[in-house]
Amino acid sequence: MRPLTRLGTVAAAAALAFTGTGMVASAEPAEGAQVIRDQAFYVDGEAYRTVLTPRDLPSRAPDHSFDVLYNFGSAQPAVAEAAPGQRGYNGGRWIVNAVSYEPGWQMHADGMHAGQPAFVSNEAVEDAIEAGVLSVVEDVRRFVCPVIKL
């Protein structure tokens, strides 16, 4: 993983991790779990949805047993580095990194760029971080959450 910039200003928004604004919970499949129906997250340009479970994981678990989920808050849908069926997918165990846009980067207020999310792949997010377009607070939350391809 490339070195990432740490921003304390994003940490408060990141505390909500994947349960941010714009997501509606419904049809609880198990006690405490929430199905997220109206906001996707992306892996390699493909849209997925998820079932949020009420289980956070301890930070002492080894990093290699997690996949990174980049959370943009309400700016755009999240982006994950892996999905079911892909090599290296860790079964829905996530480390959430909170992402914000650097000042001066042009984007519509709803986080869309030319009618589409600006970032839909892990590689694009990492390239934007390296280019200074995005800033990240790493490892703000660890949790388990299965994913379902749309």
N, C-alpha and C. Protein backbone atom coordinates (compact mmCIF):
# COMPACT_ATOMS: atom_id res chain seq x y z
N MET A 1 0.84 -1.17 0.00
CA MET A 1 0.00 0.00 0.00
C MET A 1 0.89 1.24 0.00
N ARG A 2 0.52 2.23 -0.75
CA ARG A 2 1.29 3.46 -0.83
C ARG A 2 1.13 4.27 0.44
N PRO A 3 2.11 5.11 0.81
CA PRO A 3 1.95 5.97 1.98
C PRO A 3 0.81 6.94 1.76
N LEU A 4 0.02 7.17 2.80
CA LEU A 4 -1.16 8.02 2.69
C LEU A 4 -1.07 9.18 3.66
N THR A 5 -1.68 10.29 3.28
CA THR A 5 -1.71 11.47 4.12
C THR A 5 -2.76 11.30 5.20
N ARG A 6 -2.45 11.67 6.43
CA ARG A 6 -3.40 11.60 7.53
C ARG A 6 -4.01 12.97 7.76
N LEU A 7 -5.34 13.05 7.79
CA LEU A 7 -6.04 14.30 8.03
C LEU A 7 -7.01 14.13 9.20
N GLY A 8 -6.79 14.86 10.27
CA GLY A 8 -7.69 14.79 11.41
C GLY A 8 -9.07 15.32 11.10
N THR A 9 -9.19 16.20 10.11
CA THR A 9 -10.50 16.79 9.78
C THR A 9 -11.47 15.78 9.20
N VAL A 10 -10.96 14.68 8.66
CA VAL A 10 -11.83 13.68 8.07
C VAL A 10 -12.26 12.65 9.10
N ALA A 11 -11.56 12.54 10.21
CA ALA A 11 -11.79 11.47 11.18
C ALA A 11 -13.21 11.46 11.72
N ALA A 12 -13.79 12.60 11.99
CA ALA A 12 -15.15 12.63 12.54
C ALA A 12 -16.15 12.05 11.55
N ALA A 13 -16.04 12.41 10.29
CA ALA A 13 -16.94 11.86 9.28
C ALA A 13 -16.69 10.37 9.09
N ALA A 14 -15.45 9.96 9.23
CA ALA A 14 -15.11 8.56 9.03
C ALA A 14 -15.61 7.67 10.15
N ALA A 15 -15.87 8.21 11.30
CA ALA A 15 -16.34 7.41 12.42
C ALA A 15 -17.63 6.68 12.08
N LEU A 16 -18.39 7.27 11.18
CA LEU A 16 -19.62 6.61 10.75
C LEU A 16 -19.34 5.51 9.75
N ALA A 17 -18.11 5.49 9.24
CA ALA A 17 -17.65 4.50 8.27
C ALA A 17 -18.64 4.30 7.16
N PHE A 18 -19.18 3.11 7.04
CA PHE A 18 -20.01 2.77 5.89
C PHE A 18 -21.48 3.08 6.13
N THR A 19 -21.82 3.66 7.26
CA THR A 19 -23.22 3.93 7.57
C THR A 19 -23.54 5.40 7.39
N GLY A 20 -22.84 6.07 6.49
CA GLY A 20 -23.00 7.51 6.29
C GLY A 20 -24.32 7.89 5.65
N THR A 21 -24.49 9.18 5.43
CA THR A 21 -25.71 9.70 4.85
C THR A 21 -25.94 9.13 3.47
N GLY A 22 -27.20 9.09 3.07
CA GLY A 22 -27.54 8.59 1.75
C GLY A 22 -27.81 7.10 1.71
N MET A 23 -27.53 6.40 2.76
CA MET A 23 -27.79 4.97 2.80
C MET A 23 -29.04 4.71 3.63
N VAL A 24 -29.91 3.89 3.12
CA VAL A 24 -31.15 3.60 3.81
C VAL A 24 -31.15 2.14 4.23
N ALA A 25 -31.41 1.88 5.50
CA ALA A 25 -31.45 0.51 5.99
C ALA A 25 -32.87 -0.01 5.90
N SER A 26 -33.01 -1.28 5.50
CA SER A 26 -34.34 -1.88 5.44
C SER A 26 -34.19 -3.39 5.42
N ALA A 27 -35.29 -4.09 5.62
CA ALA A 27 -35.35 -5.54 5.52
C ALA A 27 -34.24 -6.23 6.31
N GLU A 28 -34.25 -6.07 7.61
CA GLU A 28 -33.19 -6.63 8.44
C GLU A 28 -33.18 -8.16 8.35
N PRO A 29 -32.11 -8.76 7.80
CA PRO A 29 -32.03 -10.19 7.65
C PRO A 29 -31.67 -10.91 8.94
N ALA A 30 -31.03 -10.25 9.86
CA ALA A 30 -30.67 -10.83 11.15
C ALA A 30 -30.68 -9.70 12.16
N GLU A 31 -30.82 -10.05 13.42
CA GLU A 31 -30.87 -9.02 14.45
C GLU A 31 -29.66 -8.10 14.37
N GLY A 32 -29.91 -6.82 14.22
CA GLY A 32 -28.85 -5.83 14.18
C GLY A 32 -28.22 -5.60 12.82
N ALA A 33 -28.50 -6.44 11.82
CA ALA A 33 -27.91 -6.25 10.48
C ALA A 33 -28.82 -5.36 9.66
N GLN A 34 -28.24 -4.63 8.71
CA GLN A 34 -29.00 -3.71 7.86
C GLN A 34 -28.64 -3.95 6.40
N VAL A 35 -29.65 -4.08 5.54
CA VAL A 35 -29.40 -4.20 4.10
C VAL A 35 -29.31 -2.79 3.54
N ILE A 36 -28.27 -2.53 2.78
CA ILE A 36 -28.08 -1.23 2.16
C ILE A 36 -28.51 -1.38 0.71
N ARG A 37 -29.61 -0.73 0.34
CA ARG A 37 -30.19 -0.93 -0.99
C ARG A 37 -29.95 0.21 -1.96
N ASP A 38 -29.86 1.43 -1.48
CA ASP A 38 -29.85 2.54 -2.43
C ASP A 38 -28.50 3.18 -2.63
N GLN A 39 -27.43 2.63 -2.09
CA GLN A 39 -26.11 3.16 -2.39
C GLN A 39 -25.15 2.01 -2.60
N ALA A 40 -24.53 2.02 -3.73
CA ALA A 40 -23.57 0.98 -4.07
C ALA A 40 -22.18 1.41 -3.62
N PHE A 41 -21.29 0.44 -3.63
CA PHE A 41 -19.87 0.75 -3.58
C PHE A 41 -19.26 0.03 -4.77
N TYR A 42 -18.06 0.43 -5.14
CA TYR A 42 -17.46 -0.07 -6.37
C TYR A 42 -16.19 -0.86 -6.12
N VAL A 43 -16.01 -1.89 -6.98
CA VAL A 43 -14.77 -2.65 -7.06
C VAL A 43 -14.49 -2.83 -8.56
N ASP A 44 -13.38 -2.30 -9.01
CA ASP A 44 -13.00 -2.40 -10.43
C ASP A 44 -14.12 -2.01 -11.38
N GLY A 45 -14.83 -0.94 -11.06
CA GLY A 45 -15.88 -0.43 -11.92
C GLY A 45 -17.21 -1.13 -11.81
N GLU A 46 -17.30 -2.19 -11.02
CA GLU A 46 -18.55 -2.95 -10.84
C GLU A 46 -19.22 -2.50 -9.55
N ALA A 47 -20.53 -2.38 -9.58
CA ALA A 47 -21.29 -1.94 -8.40
C ALA A 47 -21.67 -3.13 -7.53
N TYR A 48 -21.56 -2.94 -6.23
CA TYR A 48 -21.93 -3.94 -5.23
C TYR A 48 -22.77 -3.25 -4.17
N ARG A 49 -23.53 -4.04 -3.42
CA ARG A 49 -24.20 -3.54 -2.23
C ARG A 49 -23.81 -4.46 -1.09
N THR A 50 -24.32 -4.18 0.11
CA THR A 50 -23.86 -4.96 1.25
C THR A 50 -24.94 -5.11 2.30
N VAL A 51 -24.66 -5.95 3.26
CA VAL A 51 -25.45 -6.10 4.47
C VAL A 51 -24.54 -5.69 5.61
N LEU A 52 -24.93 -4.64 6.33
CA LEU A 52 -24.11 -4.17 7.45
C LEU A 52 -24.39 -5.02 8.68
N THR A 53 -23.34 -5.53 9.27
CA THR A 53 -23.49 -6.32 10.49
C THR A 53 -23.02 -5.49 11.67
N PRO A 54 -23.52 -5.78 12.86
CA PRO A 54 -23.15 -4.98 14.03
C PRO A 54 -21.85 -5.42 14.69
N ARG A 55 -20.91 -5.93 13.92
CA ARG A 55 -19.68 -6.46 14.50
C ARG A 55 -18.46 -5.69 14.02
N ASP A 56 -17.83 -4.97 14.93
CA ASP A 56 -16.53 -4.35 14.66
C ASP A 56 -15.46 -5.35 15.07
N LEU A 57 -14.32 -5.28 14.43
CA LEU A 57 -13.24 -6.21 14.72
C LEU A 57 -12.10 -5.48 15.42
N PRO A 58 -11.35 -6.19 16.24
CA PRO A 58 -10.25 -5.55 16.96
C PRO A 58 -9.13 -5.16 16.01
N SER A 59 -8.44 -4.09 16.34
CA SER A 59 -7.34 -3.62 15.49
C SER A 59 -6.13 -4.54 15.58
N ARG A 60 -6.11 -5.46 16.51
CA ARG A 60 -4.95 -6.35 16.63
C ARG A 60 -4.96 -7.48 15.59
N ALA A 61 -6.08 -7.65 14.87
CA ALA A 61 -6.11 -8.65 13.80
C ALA A 61 -5.11 -8.23 12.72
N PRO A 62 -4.44 -9.18 12.08
CA PRO A 62 -3.41 -8.81 11.09
C PRO A 62 -4.00 -8.09 9.88
N ASP A 63 -3.30 -7.05 9.42
CA ASP A 63 -3.77 -6.26 8.29
C ASP A 63 -4.03 -7.10 7.04
N HIS A 64 -3.23 -8.13 6.80
CA HIS A 64 -3.38 -8.93 5.59
C HIS A 64 -4.70 -9.71 5.56
N SER A 65 -5.41 -9.79 6.68
CA SER A 65 -6.69 -10.50 6.71
C SER A 65 -7.87 -9.59 6.39
N PHE A 66 -7.61 -8.36 5.97
CA PHE A 66 -8.63 -7.38 5.62
C PHE A 66 -8.41 -6.86 4.21
N ASP A 67 -9.48 -6.31 3.63
CA ASP A 67 -9.39 -5.52 2.40
C ASP A 67 -9.70 -4.09 2.76
N VAL A 68 -9.16 -3.15 1.99
CA VAL A 68 -9.38 -1.73 2.25
C VAL A 68 -10.67 -1.28 1.56
N LEU A 69 -11.44 -0.49 2.29
CA LEU A 69 -12.64 0.14 1.76
C LEU A 69 -12.44 1.65 1.91
N TYR A 70 -12.40 2.35 0.79
CA TYR A 70 -12.24 3.80 0.81
C TYR A 70 -13.61 4.44 0.93
N ASN A 71 -13.84 5.16 2.03
CA ASN A 71 -15.13 5.78 2.29
C ASN A 71 -15.04 7.28 1.99
N PHE A 72 -15.86 7.74 1.06
CA PHE A 72 -15.89 9.15 0.66
C PHE A 72 -16.99 9.92 1.39
N GLY A 73 -17.63 9.31 2.40
CA GLY A 73 -18.76 9.96 3.07
C GLY A 73 -19.88 10.16 2.07
N SER A 74 -20.48 11.33 2.06
CA SER A 74 -21.58 11.60 1.14
C SER A 74 -21.10 12.11 -0.22
N ALA A 75 -19.79 12.25 -0.42
CA ALA A 75 -19.26 12.81 -1.67
C ALA A 75 -19.46 11.88 -2.87
N GLN A 76 -19.36 10.59 -2.64
CA GLN A 76 -19.56 9.60 -3.71
C GLN A 76 -19.59 8.23 -3.05
N PRO A 77 -20.03 7.19 -3.78
CA PRO A 77 -20.02 5.85 -3.22
C PRO A 77 -18.60 5.40 -2.86
N ALA A 78 -18.51 4.50 -1.90
CA ALA A 78 -17.23 3.95 -1.46
C ALA A 78 -16.59 3.12 -2.57
N VAL A 79 -15.30 2.85 -2.43
CA VAL A 79 -14.55 2.02 -3.36
C VAL A 79 -13.77 1.00 -2.54
N ALA A 80 -13.86 -0.27 -2.93
CA ALA A 80 -13.15 -1.34 -2.23
C ALA A 80 -12.06 -1.91 -3.12
N GLU A 81 -11.07 -2.52 -2.47
CA GLU A 81 -9.96 -3.07 -3.25
C GLU A 81 -10.20 -4.49 -3.74
N ALA A 82 -11.23 -5.18 -3.25
CA ALA A 82 -11.48 -6.55 -3.69
C ALA A 82 -12.95 -6.91 -3.49
N ALA A 83 -13.37 -7.96 -4.18
CA ALA A 83 -14.75 -8.43 -4.11
C ALA A 83 -14.77 -9.95 -4.19
N PRO A 84 -15.91 -10.58 -3.86
CA PRO A 84 -16.00 -12.03 -3.95
C PRO A 84 -15.58 -12.54 -5.34
N GLY A 85 -14.82 -13.62 -5.34
CA GLY A 85 -14.35 -14.22 -6.57
C GLY A 85 -13.02 -13.69 -7.05
N GLN A 86 -12.55 -12.59 -6.46
CA GLN A 86 -11.26 -12.04 -6.85
C GLN A 86 -10.16 -12.61 -5.96
N ARG A 87 -9.01 -12.76 -6.55
CA ARG A 87 -7.85 -13.23 -5.79
C ARG A 87 -7.54 -12.24 -4.67
N GLY A 88 -7.34 -12.75 -3.48
CA GLY A 88 -7.00 -11.91 -2.34
C GLY A 88 -8.19 -11.38 -1.56
N TYR A 89 -9.41 -11.65 -2.02
CA TYR A 89 -10.59 -11.19 -1.27
C TYR A 89 -10.61 -11.87 0.09
N ASN A 90 -10.85 -11.10 1.13
CA ASN A 90 -10.79 -11.60 2.51
C ASN A 90 -12.14 -11.84 3.14
N GLY A 91 -13.14 -12.18 2.36
CA GLY A 91 -14.43 -12.61 2.91
C GLY A 91 -15.26 -11.52 3.55
N GLY A 92 -15.07 -10.28 3.18
CA GLY A 92 -15.88 -9.21 3.73
C GLY A 92 -15.35 -8.62 5.03
N ARG A 93 -14.07 -8.76 5.28
CA ARG A 93 -13.43 -8.11 6.43
C ARG A 93 -12.75 -6.85 5.91
N TRP A 94 -13.14 -5.71 6.47
CA TRP A 94 -12.75 -4.42 5.91
C TRP A 94 -12.00 -3.54 6.89
N ILE A 95 -10.99 -2.85 6.37
CA ILE A 95 -10.37 -1.71 7.04
C ILE A 95 -10.88 -0.49 6.28
N VAL A 96 -11.55 0.41 6.98
CA VAL A 96 -12.08 1.61 6.34
C VAL A 96 -11.05 2.73 6.39
N ASN A 97 -10.77 3.30 5.24
CA ASN A 97 -9.95 4.51 5.13
C ASN A 97 -10.88 5.65 4.71
N ALA A 98 -10.89 6.73 5.46
CA ALA A 98 -11.73 7.88 5.14
C ALA A 98 -11.02 8.76 4.12
N VAL A 99 -11.74 9.17 3.08
CA VAL A 99 -11.16 9.91 1.98
C VAL A 99 -11.82 11.27 1.84
N SER A 100 -11.03 12.29 1.54
CA SER A 100 -11.59 13.61 1.22
C SER A 100 -10.87 14.17 0.01
N TYR A 101 -11.54 15.05 -0.71
CA TYR A 101 -10.95 15.71 -1.87
C TYR A 101 -10.13 16.89 -1.41
N GLU A 102 -9.00 17.09 -2.04
CA GLU A 102 -8.17 18.25 -1.74
C GLU A 102 -8.83 19.50 -2.31
N PRO A 103 -8.66 20.64 -1.64
CA PRO A 103 -9.24 21.89 -2.14
C PRO A 103 -8.79 22.18 -3.57
N GLY A 104 -9.71 22.68 -4.36
CA GLY A 104 -9.39 23.05 -5.72
C GLY A 104 -9.67 21.98 -6.75
N TRP A 105 -9.93 20.75 -6.30
CA TRP A 105 -10.25 19.71 -7.28
C TRP A 105 -11.68 19.90 -7.72
N GLN A 106 -11.93 20.02 -9.00
CA GLN A 106 -13.27 20.31 -9.51
C GLN A 106 -14.14 19.06 -9.51
N MET A 107 -15.28 19.17 -8.84
CA MET A 107 -16.25 18.09 -8.81
C MET A 107 -17.60 18.69 -8.51
N HIS A 108 -18.62 18.06 -9.00
CA HIS A 108 -19.98 18.51 -8.70
C HIS A 108 -20.25 18.29 -7.21
N ALA A 109 -21.17 19.05 -6.66
CA ALA A 109 -21.46 18.99 -5.23
C ALA A 109 -21.91 17.60 -4.79
N ASP A 110 -22.52 16.81 -5.66
CA ASP A 110 -23.00 15.49 -5.26
C ASP A 110 -21.93 14.40 -5.42
N GLY A 111 -20.70 14.79 -5.72
CA GLY A 111 -19.63 13.81 -5.82
C GLY A 111 -19.54 13.14 -7.17
N MET A 112 -20.33 13.59 -8.11
CA MET A 112 -20.31 12.96 -9.42
C MET A 112 -19.45 13.79 -10.37
N HIS A 113 -18.87 13.13 -11.33
CA HIS A 113 -18.03 13.77 -12.33
C HIS A 113 -18.54 13.28 -13.68
N ALA A 114 -19.08 14.18 -14.48
CA ALA A 114 -19.68 13.83 -15.77
C ALA A 114 -20.76 12.77 -15.61
N GLY A 115 -21.56 12.91 -14.55
CA GLY A 115 -22.68 12.00 -14.33
C GLY A 115 -22.34 10.67 -13.69
N GLN A 116 -21.08 10.42 -13.41
CA GLN A 116 -20.65 9.17 -12.81
C GLN A 116 -19.78 9.46 -11.59
N PRO A 117 -19.68 8.49 -10.65
CA PRO A 117 -18.75 8.70 -9.55
C PRO A 117 -17.35 8.94 -10.11
N ALA A 118 -16.61 9.81 -9.49
CA ALA A 118 -15.27 10.13 -9.98
C ALA A 118 -14.32 8.95 -9.86
N PHE A 119 -14.52 8.12 -8.83
CA PHE A 119 -13.62 6.99 -8.59
C PHE A 119 -14.44 5.72 -8.44
N VAL A 120 -14.08 4.68 -9.21
CA VAL A 120 -14.80 3.41 -9.13
C VAL A 120 -13.85 2.21 -9.04
N SER A 121 -12.55 2.48 -8.85
CA SER A 121 -11.60 1.38 -8.69
C SER A 121 -10.55 1.75 -7.66
N ASN A 122 -10.01 0.74 -7.03
CA ASN A 122 -8.95 0.91 -6.05
C ASN A 122 -7.73 1.59 -6.69
N GLU A 123 -7.39 1.18 -7.90
CA GLU A 123 -6.23 1.75 -8.57
C GLU A 123 -6.42 3.24 -8.81
N ALA A 124 -7.62 3.66 -9.22
CA ALA A 124 -7.88 5.09 -9.45
C ALA A 124 -7.77 5.88 -8.15
N VAL A 125 -8.28 5.31 -7.05
CA VAL A 125 -8.19 5.98 -5.76
C VAL A 125 -6.73 6.11 -5.34
N GLU A 126 -5.96 5.04 -5.43
CA GLU A 126 -4.55 5.09 -5.04
C GLU A 126 -3.75 6.05 -5.92
N ASP A 127 -4.06 6.09 -7.22
CA ASP A 127 -3.39 7.05 -8.10
C ASP A 127 -3.72 8.48 -7.70
N ALA A 128 -4.99 8.75 -7.35
CA ALA A 128 -5.40 10.10 -6.94
C ALA A 128 -4.75 10.49 -5.62
N ILE A 129 -4.59 9.54 -4.73
CA ILE A 129 -3.89 9.81 -3.46
C ILE A 129 -2.45 10.20 -3.75
N GLU A 130 -1.80 9.40 -4.58
CA GLU A 130 -0.41 9.67 -4.93
C GLU A 130 -0.25 11.02 -5.64
N ALA A 131 -1.25 11.41 -6.45
CA ALA A 131 -1.20 12.68 -7.18
C ALA A 131 -1.59 13.87 -6.31
N GLY A 132 -2.08 13.61 -5.09
CA GLY A 132 -2.45 14.70 -4.20
C GLY A 132 -3.86 15.21 -4.39
N VAL A 133 -4.69 14.50 -5.16
CA VAL A 133 -6.09 14.87 -5.37
C VAL A 133 -6.93 14.49 -4.17
N LEU A 134 -6.59 13.38 -3.54
CA LEU A 134 -7.31 12.87 -2.38
C LEU A 134 -6.40 12.81 -1.17
N SER A 135 -6.99 12.97 0.01
CA SER A 135 -6.30 12.78 1.27
C SER A 135 -7.03 11.68 2.04
N VAL A 136 -6.29 10.95 2.88
CA VAL A 136 -6.85 9.78 3.54
C VAL A 136 -6.48 9.75 5.01
N VAL A 137 -7.43 9.32 5.83
CA VAL A 137 -7.15 8.91 7.20
C VAL A 137 -7.27 7.39 7.19
N GLU A 138 -6.19 6.71 7.52
CA GLU A 138 -6.15 5.26 7.44
C GLU A 138 -6.75 4.59 8.67
N ASP A 139 -7.31 3.42 8.44
CA ASP A 139 -7.71 2.49 9.50
C ASP A 139 -8.59 3.13 10.57
N VAL A 140 -9.70 3.75 10.14
CA VAL A 140 -10.60 4.38 11.10
C VAL A 140 -11.60 3.40 11.70
N ARG A 141 -11.78 2.27 11.04
CA ARG A 141 -12.68 1.25 11.55
C ARG A 141 -12.38 -0.07 10.86
N ARG A 142 -12.59 -1.16 11.58
CA ARG A 142 -12.48 -2.51 11.03
C ARG A 142 -13.78 -3.24 11.32
N PHE A 143 -14.35 -3.87 10.30
CA PHE A 143 -15.61 -4.57 10.50
C PHE A 143 -15.81 -5.67 9.48
N VAL A 144 -16.82 -6.50 9.71
CA VAL A 144 -17.19 -7.57 8.79
C VAL A 144 -18.47 -7.18 8.08
N CYS A 145 -18.51 -7.39 6.77
CA CYS A 145 -19.66 -6.97 5.99
C CYS A 145 -19.64 -7.72 4.67
N PRO A 146 -20.54 -8.67 4.42
CA PRO A 146 -20.55 -9.38 3.13
C PRO A 146 -21.00 -8.46 2.00
N VAL A 147 -20.61 -8.80 0.78
CA VAL A 147 -20.98 -7.97 -0.37
C VAL A 147 -21.74 -8.78 -1.41
N ILE A 148 -22.61 -8.09 -2.15
CA ILE A 148 -23.48 -8.70 -3.14
C ILE A 148 -23.36 -7.90 -4.42
N LYS A 149 -23.02 -8.54 -5.53
CA LYS A 149 -22.89 -7.83 -6.79
C LYS A 149 -24.26 -7.39 -7.27
N LEU A 150 -24.38 -6.15 -7.73
CA LEU A 150 -25.65 -5.64 -8.25
C LEU A 150 -25.90 -6.13 -9.65
